[in-house]
C-alpha atoms as a PDB file:
ATOM      1  CA  MET A   1       2.756  18.253 -63.949  1.00  0.00           C
ATOM      2  CA  LYS A   2      -0.811  19.097 -62.895  1.00  0.00           C
ATOM      3  CA  SER A   3      -1.241  15.716 -61.247  1.00  0.00           C
ATOM      4  CA  PHE A   4       2.010  16.191 -59.328  1.00  0.00           C
ATOM      5  CA  ILE A   5       0.766  19.525 -57.965  1.00  0.00           C
ATOM      6  CA  LYS A   6      -2.600  17.963 -57.009  1.00  0.00           C
ATOM      7  CA  VAL A   7      -0.830  15.142 -55.149  1.00  0.00           C
ATOM      8  CA  LEU A   8       1.496  17.596 -53.411  1.00  0.00           C
ATOM      9  CA  ILE A   9      -1.416  19.809 -52.320  1.00  0.00           C
ATOM     10  CA  THR A  10      -3.331  16.746 -51.075  1.00  0.00           C
ATOM     11  CA  VAL A  11      -0.331  15.514 -49.053  1.00  0.00           C
ATOM     12  CA  ILE A  12       0.215  18.953 -47.518  1.00  0.00           C
ATOM     13  CA  PHE A  13      -3.490  19.293 -46.677  1.00  0.00           C
ATOM     14  CA  LEU A  14      -3.598  15.835 -45.048  1.00  0.00           C
ATOM     15  CA  SER A  15      -0.458  16.439 -43.009  1.00  0.00           C
ATOM     16  CA  ILE A  16      -1.831  19.749 -41.700  1.00  0.00           C
ATOM     17  CA  SER A  17      -5.227  18.280 -40.831  1.00  0.00           C
ATOM     18  CA  THR A  18      -3.769  15.268 -39.010  1.00  0.00           C
ATOM     19  CA  ASN A  19      -1.684  17.547 -36.822  1.00  0.00           C
ATOM     20  CA  SER A  20      -4.761  19.505 -35.776  1.00  0.00           C
ATOM     21  CA  PHE A  21      -6.564  16.320 -34.692  1.00  0.00           C
ATOM     22  CA  ALA A  22      -3.545  14.898 -32.870  1.00  0.00           C
ATOM     23  CA  GLU A  23      -4.073  16.826 -29.638  1.00  0.00           C
ATOM     24  CA  GLN A  24      -4.248  14.421 -26.734  1.00  0.00           C
ATOM     25  CA  LYS A  25      -5.064  15.159 -23.133  1.00  0.00           C
ATOM     26  CA  ILE A  26      -2.565  13.706 -20.654  1.00  0.00           C
ATOM     27  CA  VAL A  27      -2.891  13.952 -16.863  1.00  0.00           C
ATOM     28  CA  ILE A  28      -0.724  12.966 -13.914  1.00  0.00           C
ATOM     29  CA  LEU A  29      -1.804  10.952 -10.855  1.00  0.00           C
ATOM     30  CA  ASP A  30       0.256  10.380  -7.703  1.00  0.00           C
ATOM     31  CA  LEU A  31      -1.115   7.011  -6.647  1.00  0.00           C
ATOM     32  CA  SER A  32       0.947   6.746  -3.455  1.00  0.00           C
ATOM     33  CA  TYR A  33      -0.429  10.135  -2.343  1.00  0.00           C
ATOM     34  CA  VAL A  34      -3.971   8.935  -3.020  1.00  0.00           C
ATOM     35  CA  LEU A  35      -3.399   5.738  -1.034  1.00  0.00           C
ATOM     36  CA  ASN A  36      -1.725   7.494   1.894  1.00  0.00           C
ATOM     37  CA  ASN A  37      -3.764  10.690   2.175  1.00  0.00           C
ATOM     38  CA  SER A  38      -7.330   9.631   1.529  1.00  0.00           C
ATOM     39  CA  LYS A  39      -9.533   9.252   4.603  1.00  0.00           C
ATOM     40  CA  ALA A  40      -9.733   5.485   4.193  1.00  0.00           C
ATOM     41  CA  GLY A  41      -5.981   5.206   3.553  1.00  0.00           C
ATOM     42  CA  LYS A  42      -5.078   7.292   6.606  1.00  0.00           C
ATOM     43  CA  GLY A  43      -7.521   5.352   8.750  1.00  0.00           C
ATOM     44  CA  ALA A  44      -6.067   2.038   7.617  1.00  0.00           C
ATOM     45  CA  GLN A  45      -2.523   3.241   8.247  1.00  0.00           C
ATOM     46  CA  ASP A  46      -3.418   4.482  11.734  1.00  0.00           C
ATOM     47  CA  PHE A  47      -5.157   1.215  12.573  1.00  0.00           C
ATOM     48  CA  LEU A  48      -2.263  -0.905  11.298  1.00  0.00           C
ATOM     49  CA  LYS A  49       0.328   1.249  13.070  1.00  0.00           C
ATOM     50  CA  LYS A  50      -1.592   1.019  16.362  1.00  0.00           C
ATOM     51  CA  SER A  51      -1.991  -2.723  15.947  1.00  0.00           C
ATOM     52  CA  PHE A  52       1.714  -3.123  15.214  1.00  0.00           C
ATOM     53  CA  ASN A  53       2.735  -1.017  18.229  1.00  0.00           C
ATOM     54  CA  ASP A  54       0.374  -2.959  20.512  1.00  0.00           C
ATOM     55  CA  ASN A  55       1.856  -6.228  19.288  1.00  0.00           C
ATOM     56  CA  VAL A  56       5.403  -4.943  19.799  1.00  0.00           C
ATOM     57  CA  LYS A  57       4.627  -4.007  23.414  1.00  0.00           C
ATOM     58  CA  LYS A  58       2.897  -7.322  24.057  1.00  0.00           C
ATOM     59  CA  PHE A  59       5.712  -9.385  22.572  1.00  0.00           C
ATOM     60  CA  ASN A  60       8.426  -7.349  24.286  1.00  0.00           C
ATOM     61  CA  ASN A  61       6.755  -8.099  27.628  1.00  0.00           C
ATOM     62  CA  LEU A  62       6.500 -11.792  26.744  1.00  0.00           C
ATOM     63  CA  GLU A  63      10.145 -11.859  25.663  1.00  0.00           C
ATOM     64  CA  GLU A  64      11.217 -10.220  28.911  1.00  0.00           C
ATOM     65  CA  SER A  65       9.184 -12.775  30.855  1.00  0.00           C
ATOM     66  CA  LEU A  66      10.853 -15.641  28.975  1.00  0.00           C
ATOM     67  CA  LYS A  67      14.298 -14.171  29.663  1.00  0.00           C
ATOM     68  CA  ASN A  68      13.466 -13.921  33.349  1.00  0.00           C
ATOM     69  CA  GLN A  69      12.310 -17.546  33.353  1.00  0.00           C
ATOM     70  CA  GLU A  70      15.583 -18.555  31.727  1.00  0.00           C
ATOM     71  CA  LYS A  71      17.669 -16.627  34.305  1.00  0.00           C
ATOM     72  CA  ASP A  72      15.626 -18.129  37.118  1.00  0.00           C
ATOM     73  CA  LEU A  73      16.125 -21.618  35.701  1.00  0.00           C
ATOM     74  CA  LEU A  74      19.878 -21.094  35.373  1.00  0.00           C
ATOM     75  CA  THR A  75      20.151 -19.943  38.991  1.00  0.00           C
ATOM     76  CA  LYS A  76      18.239 -23.035  40.145  1.00  0.00           C
ATOM     77  CA  LYS A  77      20.299 -25.406  38.009  1.00  0.00           C
ATOM     78  CA  THR A  78      22.397 -26.620  40.937  1.00  0.00           C
ATOM     79  CA  VAL A  79      19.381 -27.006  43.233  1.00  0.00           C
ATOM     80  CA  LEU A  80      17.190 -28.980  40.818  1.00  0.00           C
ATOM     81  CA  THR A  81      17.686 -32.600  39.900  1.00  0.00           C
ATOM     82  CA  LYS A  82      18.688 -33.411  36.344  1.00  0.00           C
ATOM     83  CA  GLU A  83      15.197 -34.639  35.545  1.00  0.00           C
ATOM     84  CA  GLU A  84      13.494 -31.525  36.936  1.00  0.00           C
ATOM     85  CA  TYR A  85      15.979 -29.264  35.162  1.00  0.00           C
ATOM     86  CA  ARG A  86      15.432 -31.070  31.857  1.00  0.00           C
ATOM     87  CA  ASN A  87      11.644 -30.863  32.229  1.00  0.00           C
ATOM     88  CA  LYS A  88      11.797 -27.128  32.974  1.00  0.00           C
ATOM     89  CA  THR A  89      14.156 -26.471  30.032  1.00  0.00           C
ATOM     90  CA  ASP A  90      11.843 -28.420  27.725  1.00  0.00           C
ATOM     91  CA  GLU A  91       8.899 -26.379  28.977  1.00  0.00           C
ATOM     92  CA  LEU A  92      10.870 -23.156  28.439  1.00  0.00           C
ATOM     93  CA  ARG A  93      11.783 -24.201  24.876  1.00  0.00           C
ATOM     94  CA  LYS A  94       8.135 -24.964  24.209  1.00  0.00           C
ATOM     95  CA  ASN A  95       7.177 -21.512  25.506  1.00  0.00           C
ATOM     96  CA  VAL A  96       9.836 -19.861  23.325  1.00  0.00           C
ATOM     97  CA  LEU A  97       8.595 -21.706  20.221  1.00  0.00           C
ATOM     98  CA  ASP A  98       5.022 -20.718  21.048  1.00  0.00           C
ATOM     99  CA  PHE A  99       6.130 -17.104  21.503  1.00  0.00           C
ATOM    100  CA  GLN A 100       7.896 -17.097  18.127  1.00  0.00           C
ATOM    101  CA  SER A 101       4.905 -18.581  16.313  1.00  0.00           C
ATOM    102  CA  GLN A 102       2.523 -16.066  17.934  1.00  0.00           C
ATOM    103  CA  ARG A 103       4.774 -13.163  16.957  1.00  0.00           C
ATOM    104  CA  ARG A 104       5.107 -14.437  13.382  1.00  0.00           C
ATOM    105  CA  ALA A 105       1.314 -14.930  13.133  1.00  0.00           C
ATOM    106  CA  ALA A 106       0.656 -11.408  14.417  1.00  0.00           C
ATOM    107  CA  LEU A 107       3.083  -9.871  11.913  1.00  0.00           C
ATOM    108  CA  ASP A 108       1.615 -11.958   9.088  1.00  0.00           C
ATOM    109  CA  LYS A 109      -1.881 -10.793  10.037  1.00  0.00           C
ATOM    110  CA  ILE A 110      -0.807  -7.150   9.879  1.00  0.00           C
ATOM    111  CA  ALA A 111       0.897  -7.699   6.510  1.00  0.00           C
ATOM    112  CA  THR A 112      -2.226  -9.411   5.171  1.00  0.00           C
ATOM    113  CA  GLN A 113      -4.469  -6.605   6.415  1.00  0.00           C
ATOM    114  CA  ARG A 114      -2.172  -4.048   4.803  1.00  0.00           C
ATOM    115  CA  ALA A 115      -2.271  -5.851   1.454  1.00  0.00           C
ATOM    116  CA  GLU A 116      -6.047  -6.290   1.633  1.00  0.00           C
ATOM    117  CA  SER A 117      -6.646  -2.634   2.456  1.00  0.00           C
ATOM    118  CA  LYS A 118      -4.411  -1.567  -0.441  1.00  0.00           C
ATOM    119  CA  ASP A 119      -6.340  -3.881  -2.783  1.00  0.00           C
ATOM    120  CA  ILE A 120      -9.671  -2.485  -1.608  1.00  0.00           C
ATOM    121  CA  LEU A 121      -8.466   1.077  -2.164  1.00  0.00           C
ATOM    122  CA  LEU A 122      -7.101   0.264  -5.623  1.00  0.00           C
ATOM    123  CA  LYS A 123     -10.354  -1.446  -6.613  1.00  0.00           C
ATOM    124  CA  LYS A 124     -12.290   1.620  -5.481  1.00  0.00           C
ATOM    125  CA  ILE A 125      -9.920   4.046  -7.258  1.00  0.00           C
ATOM    126  CA  ASP A 126     -10.153   2.223 -10.600  1.00  0.00           C
ATOM    127  CA  PRO A 127     -13.824   3.029 -11.391  1.00  0.00           C
ATOM    128  CA  LEU A 128     -13.383   6.604 -10.131  1.00  0.00           C
ATOM    129  CA  LEU A 129     -10.420   7.063 -12.430  1.00  0.00           C
ATOM    130  CA  ASN A 130     -12.183   5.435 -15.394  1.00  0.00           C
ATOM    131  CA  ASN A 131     -15.204   7.675 -14.856  1.00  0.00           C
ATOM    132  CA  TYR A 132     -12.970  10.779 -14.729  1.00  0.00           C
ATOM    133  CA  ILE A 133     -11.223   9.671 -17.932  1.00  0.00           C
ATOM    134  CA  LYS A 134     -14.539   9.282 -19.772  1.00  0.00           C
ATOM    135  CA  GLU A 135     -16.056  12.523 -18.489  1.00  0.00           C
ATOM    136  CA  ASN A 136     -13.018  14.652 -19.330  1.00  0.00           C
ATOM    137  CA  ASN A 137     -11.940  12.899 -22.541  1.00  0.00           C
ATOM    138  CA  ILE A 138      -8.502  11.984 -21.162  1.00  0.00           C
ATOM    139  CA  SER A 139      -6.144  10.105 -23.477  1.00  0.00           C
ATOM    140  CA  LEU A 140      -3.536   9.027 -20.942  1.00  0.00           C
ATOM    141  CA  VAL A 141      -3.014   8.947 -17.164  1.00  0.00           C
ATOM    142  CA  VAL A 142       0.627   8.805 -16.087  1.00  0.00           C
ATOM    143  CA  GLU A 143       1.920   7.843 -12.625  1.00  0.00           C
ATOM    144  CA  LYS A 144       3.615  10.872 -11.078  1.00  0.00           C
ATOM    145  CA  LYS A 145       6.771   8.991 -10.102  1.00  0.00           C
ATOM    146  CA  SER A 146       7.285   8.164 -13.799  1.00  0.00           C
ATOM    147  CA  THR A 147       7.309  11.814 -14.863  1.00  0.00           C
ATOM    148  CA  LEU A 148      10.045  14.396 -14.732  1.00  0.00           C
ATOM    149  CA  GLY A 149       7.797  17.421 -14.741  1.00  0.00           C
ATOM    150  CA  GLY A 150       4.606  18.969 -15.908  1.00  0.00           C
ATOM    151  CA  LEU A 151       2.135  21.735 -15.314  1.00  0.00           C
ATOM    152  CA  PRO A 152       0.335  21.651 -11.971  1.00  0.00           C
ATOM    153  CA  ASP A 153      -3.057  21.927 -13.675  1.00  0.00           C
ATOM    154  CA  ILE A 154      -2.666  18.461 -15.242  1.00  0.00           C
ATOM    155  CA  ASP A 155      -2.247  16.800 -11.815  1.00  0.00           C
ATOM    156  CA  ILE A 156      -5.578  15.153 -10.895  1.00  0.00           C
ATOM    157  CA  THR A 157      -4.401  13.631  -7.607  1.00  0.00           C
ATOM    158  CA  LYS A 158      -6.400  15.897  -5.291  1.00  0.00           C
ATOM    159  CA  LEU A 159      -9.571  15.449  -7.355  1.00  0.00           C
ATOM    160  CA  ILE A 160      -9.304  11.669  -7.100  1.00  0.00           C
ATOM    161  CA  VAL A 161      -8.635  11.900  -3.334  1.00  0.00           C
ATOM    162  CA  GLU A 162     -11.781  14.025  -2.890  1.00  0.00           C
ATOM    163  CA  GLN A 163     -13.874  11.571  -4.896  1.00  0.00           C
ATOM    164  CA  LEU A 164     -12.419   8.608  -3.001  1.00  0.00           C
ATOM    165  CA  ASP A 165     -13.164  10.282   0.337  1.00  0.00           C
ATOM    166  CA  LYS A 166     -16.813  10.644  -0.724  1.00  0.00           C
ATOM    167  CA  GLU A 167     -17.087   7.075  -2.001  1.00  0.00           C
ATOM    168  CA  LEU A 168     -15.070   5.280   0.709  1.00  0.00           C
ATOM    169  CA  PRO A 169     -14.663   7.220   3.967  1.00  0.00           C
ATOM    170  CA  THR A 170     -13.326   4.217   5.915  1.00  0.00           C
ATOM    171  CA  LEU A 171     -12.186   0.627   5.440  1.00  0.00           C
ATOM    172  CA  ASN A 172     -13.457  -0.732   8.801  1.00  0.00           C
ATOM    173  CA  LEU A 173     -10.424  -2.914   9.534  1.00  0.00           C
ATOM    174  CA  LYS A 174     -10.605  -5.195  12.550  1.00  0.00           C
END
């Protein structure tokens, strides 16, 4: 009976002590906010938006020019010989294909720049986050979109944005 009581006391003591050491520190990070609202992220977005809008204007003007060439060619169809008409239509098709490839290349370039800037930001955020985890003895960082709620004091998003702004003020996209 004495051994049973000793075992019971030991089990109770161990269960109480393990609960006291089980406290873990969990924080929340809104990664999309960090990417979109840091100085470098905003600068990259502004640059990419301006580049996209410039390309849209440029390609709309080119498209309008090609449409005008097509209308002009159709009005001259009866005046031109078959050979001249065929040559001009072939030239117009070539111009349209060139226009489409230029537009596709411009959009691909913007998409590539967007992906590269996101990668650069993520690579810069990773050591900042790891350093914060070590300094503050954090057990777990959870993405904000994966949480249903939590106290505002466990959200480290603004701290990471401030650190990122100090480390990487701009991405220098060209």
